[in-house]
Amino acid sequence: MTTILSIQSSVAYGHVGNSAATFPLMRLGCEVWPVLTVHFSNNTSYPSWKGPLLRPEDVHDVVEGIDALGVLPRVDAVLTGYQGAPAMGAEILKVVEKVKAANPGAVWCCDPVMGDVGRGMYVLPGIPEFIRDHVVEVADVLTPNHYELNFLTGREATTLAGVIESADLLRGKGPDVVLVTSVVVEESEPDTVTMVAVSDDGAWSVTTPLLGRTFTGSGDLTSSMFLAALLESGDVAQAVGRTADIVYSVLEKTTGLDQRELALVAAQDDLVDPRFHFEVTRIR
């Protein structure tokens, strides 16, 4: 059974961070050990929220407690998203090092949450630079959106070929696999969005319709589904196709129900057997 140590935020109401990743991963048959970086009442896109912002020391203590049980060698992957502050990022690097010492075959899948088109950077100052300068070189799988890809590489990718080149630049710094989400380039068809996955074996794209709204937590769902599919199959092309099918099916269900939060429970069958399927195109 695949075991994933997921270090992310948590909310009581709604689905972001671990609240968007844990149930979907478990529904797919993965064992998930959630470690919380915050525990808020709701996500921060609402006018207000309450709850504790946990300290790096808290994450350290939780992981030390897990390690004391002698079970860290069972961890197949570490999954991380929003890091909160550079100090938390530094602690996550220590956790990854500890997990890989216990299981050298474990991988780190990092969603480098920083910002997006139309919003700019929405994390604390110092986090984007910390991710660029310290995280990229350690991560095995990196899942930036198009905006984050541009920041991490210091270049604007305006074509599909440019996205692949930028992904290769990142892979040259550390990651084996780069999944770029929310790709919109010059050759994109109107009202569509693309995922591009790049590895030593090649590059693949999957294009899906836009649903006309934003979905908080969709990036967290995407990175978790991609990691699960990659761990199961070891095939990047299969993993990106599976991810697109699942995520679009969940978002379509959420739209149909007119829900603000991801309809993960209502769409749980889509996690296992998605209703929508999209063609995976090899582009290199």
Foldseek 3Di string as FASTA:
>chain_A
DAEEEEEFAEEPPFAAGCSPFVVLCVLVPYHYHYDHQWYWNDDPVDPDIDGDRDDLVSSVVVLVVVVVVVCLQRHQEYEYEDQQDLRSVVSVVVSVVVSCVSHVNHFYEYELDADDPPTHGDHDPPSLVCCLPPVLARHQEYEYEQVSLCSSQVHHQADPVSSQVSQVVSVVNHYQKYKYWQDDHPPDDPQKGKIWMDHPVAIKMWIDGHPPDDAHRLSVNLSSQLVSQCVVPVDNQRSRQLSVQLSVQQVVVCVVVVHNHGPCVVSVVCSVVGPDGTDMGTPD
